[in-house]
Amino acid sequence: MTSVDEGGAAVGGRPSVVPPGARGATRIADRVVAKIAAQAAREAVGPLPSDAAGPHATVVVHHESAHVRVHLELDYPTDIGGRCHRVRRHVTERVGALVGMEVPEVAVQVERLHLTAAPGVAHGRAR
C-alpha cells in the first residue's frame, strides 16, 4: 500500500490522484468560440445565394460569458427579422452546449442583401 503525504503527493514513487479543484482550468480562446458561433449561424441561416459570403462572427469572452456579433449576407426578398431571430437562438444554444458558456448577447448584423429574382421574371430594366 502506498502512503500519501499531506500535500497529496504519493510516497513511494507512484503518482497520486489530484483532486478536481487542484487540476487547473480549461480556457477556450475567443477565436474558437467565434468559429463555433459562425458555424452555428451557417446552420441556422439556411441556403444562401452562390455569390454570398458565409457568416462570420466575432466574440468577446468575459467571466465565462460570450458576447457574440454575427455578420451575414442574405438573399432578398426574405423574412430578414425571422432569419436573424433563428440565427440568434441557434448561436446561443450551440455555443452554450459546445463550450459551456452563457451567451447573454448575440448581435446579428446584415452586411449585404442579394437580390434574387422570382422564377419567370426577366433580368434587366423595365420601361
Protein backbone atom coordinates (compact mmCIF):
# COMPACT_ATOMS: atom_id res chain seq x y z
CA MET A 1 0.00 0.00 0.00
CA THR A 2 1.24 3.49 -0.89
CA SER A 3 1.02 6.22 1.68
CA VAL A 4 0.23 9.83 0.81
CA ASP A 5 1.82 12.87 2.41
CA GLU A 6 -0.15 15.95 3.50
CA GLY A 7 0.29 17.72 0.11
CA GLY A 8 -1.41 14.88 -1.78
CA ALA A 9 1.78 13.52 -3.37
CA ALA A 10 2.38 9.80 -3.26
CA VAL A 11 5.12 8.47 -1.10
CA GLY A 12 6.98 5.62 -2.70
CA GLY A 13 7.24 6.84 -6.31
CA ARG A 14 3.66 6.33 -7.56
CA PRO A 15 1.73 9.44 -8.63
CA SER A 16 -1.37 10.27 -6.65
CA VAL A 17 -4.74 11.34 -7.91
CA VAL A 18 -5.01 15.12 -7.99
CA PRO A 19 -8.30 16.44 -6.61
CA PRO A 20 -10.52 18.10 -9.26
CA GLY A 21 -10.19 21.58 -7.74
CA ALA A 22 -6.41 21.48 -8.00
CA ARG A 23 -6.16 20.30 -11.63
CA GLY A 24 -6.32 23.73 -13.23
CA ALA A 25 -8.75 25.23 -15.67
CA THR A 26 -9.55 24.96 -19.34
CA ARG A 27 -9.60 28.24 -21.23
CA ILE A 28 -11.22 28.34 -24.64
CA ALA A 29 -9.85 31.05 -26.92
CA ASP A 30 -12.17 33.74 -28.23
CA ARG A 31 -11.42 32.77 -31.84
CA VAL A 32 -12.51 29.17 -31.17
CA VAL A 33 -15.81 30.39 -29.75
CA ALA A 34 -16.13 32.68 -32.81
CA LYS A 35 -15.67 29.73 -35.18
CA ILE A 36 -18.33 27.75 -33.32
CA ALA A 37 -20.69 30.75 -33.48
CA ALA A 38 -20.06 31.20 -37.22
CA GLN A 39 -20.78 27.52 -37.88
CA ALA A 40 -23.98 27.73 -35.84
CA ALA A 41 -25.03 30.79 -37.86
CA ARG A 42 -24.36 28.84 -41.10
CA GLU A 43 -26.61 26.05 -39.84
CA ALA A 44 -29.41 28.45 -38.89
CA VAL A 45 -29.42 30.85 -41.84
CA GLY A 46 -30.19 28.21 -44.44
CA PRO A 47 -29.25 28.29 -48.11
CA LEU A 48 -27.65 31.47 -49.41
CA PRO A 49 -27.09 32.81 -52.93
CA SER A 50 -23.96 31.48 -54.59
CA ASP A 51 -22.24 34.89 -54.52
CA ALA A 52 -22.90 35.49 -50.80
CA ALA A 53 -20.10 35.19 -48.29
CA GLY A 54 -20.70 32.78 -45.43
CA PRO A 55 -21.46 34.10 -41.96
CA HIS A 56 -18.56 35.09 -39.75
CA ALA A 57 -18.51 36.01 -36.08
CA THR A 58 -16.51 37.97 -33.56
CA VAL A 59 -16.63 37.12 -29.87
CA VAL A 60 -15.55 38.74 -26.63
CA VAL A 61 -15.39 36.35 -23.67
CA HIS A 62 -15.58 37.87 -20.21
CA HIS A 63 -16.13 35.91 -16.96
CA GLU A 64 -17.41 32.73 -18.66
CA SER A 65 -19.91 34.58 -20.85
CA ALA A 66 -19.55 35.14 -24.58
CA HIS A 67 -20.78 38.29 -26.29
CA VAL A 68 -21.19 37.40 -29.97
CA ARG A 69 -21.54 39.53 -33.11
CA VAL A 70 -22.51 37.65 -36.29
CA HIS A 71 -22.12 39.18 -39.76
CA LEU A 72 -24.43 37.85 -42.50
CA GLU A 73 -25.25 38.26 -46.16
CA LEU A 74 -28.82 37.27 -47.05
CA ASP A 75 -30.90 36.82 -50.16
CA TYR A 76 -33.72 39.29 -50.76
CA PRO A 77 -36.70 39.24 -50.60
CA THR A 78 -36.77 37.23 -47.39
CA ASP A 79 -38.02 37.48 -43.81
CA ILE A 80 -34.92 39.24 -42.50
CA GLY A 81 -36.17 39.54 -38.92
CA GLY A 82 -37.21 35.89 -38.75
CA ARG A 83 -33.90 34.64 -40.12
CA CYS A 84 -31.92 36.86 -37.73
CA HIS A 85 -34.02 35.55 -34.82
CA ARG A 86 -33.27 31.94 -35.82
CA VAL A 87 -29.54 32.79 -36.02
CA ARG A 88 -29.56 34.41 -32.55
CA ARG A 89 -31.40 31.47 -30.98
CA HIS A 90 -29.26 28.78 -32.65
CA VAL A 91 -25.94 30.52 -31.88
CA THR A 92 -26.97 30.88 -28.22
CA GLU A 93 -27.92 27.20 -27.99
CA ARG A 94 -24.86 25.79 -29.80
CA VAL A 95 -22.24 27.94 -28.06
CA GLY A 96 -23.83 27.16 -24.70
CA ALA A 97 -23.93 23.43 -25.43
CA LEU A 98 -20.49 23.03 -27.01
CA VAL A 99 -18.45 25.50 -24.96
CA GLY A 100 -20.43 25.67 -21.74
CA MET A 101 -20.57 29.45 -21.69
CA GLU A 102 -23.50 31.72 -21.09
CA VAL A 103 -24.36 33.81 -24.17
CA PRO A 104 -26.21 36.92 -22.97
CA GLU A 105 -25.92 38.75 -26.28
CA VAL A 106 -25.91 37.79 -29.95
CA ALA A 107 -25.91 40.82 -32.24
CA VAL A 108 -26.70 39.99 -35.87
CA GLN A 109 -25.51 42.44 -38.49
CA VAL A 110 -26.76 42.01 -42.06
CA GLU A 111 -23.89 43.24 -44.22
CA ARG A 112 -25.45 42.80 -47.64
CA LEU A 113 -28.68 41.75 -49.33
CA HIS A 114 -28.52 39.78 -52.58
CA LEU A 115 -31.47 40.38 -54.86
CA THR A 116 -32.93 37.12 -56.14
CA ALA A 117 -35.40 37.28 -59.00
CA ALA A 118 -38.66 35.43 -58.73
CA PRO A 119 -39.00 32.43 -61.06
CA GLY A 120 -40.05 33.53 -64.54
CA VAL A 121 -39.05 37.20 -64.08
CA ALA A 122 -36.62 38.56 -66.65
CA HIS A 123 -33.48 40.37 -65.51
CA GLY A 124 -32.85 43.91 -66.65
CA ARG A 125 -34.58 47.24 -66.65
CA ALA A 126 -38.28 47.66 -67.12
CA ARG A 127 -39.57 50.54 -69.27
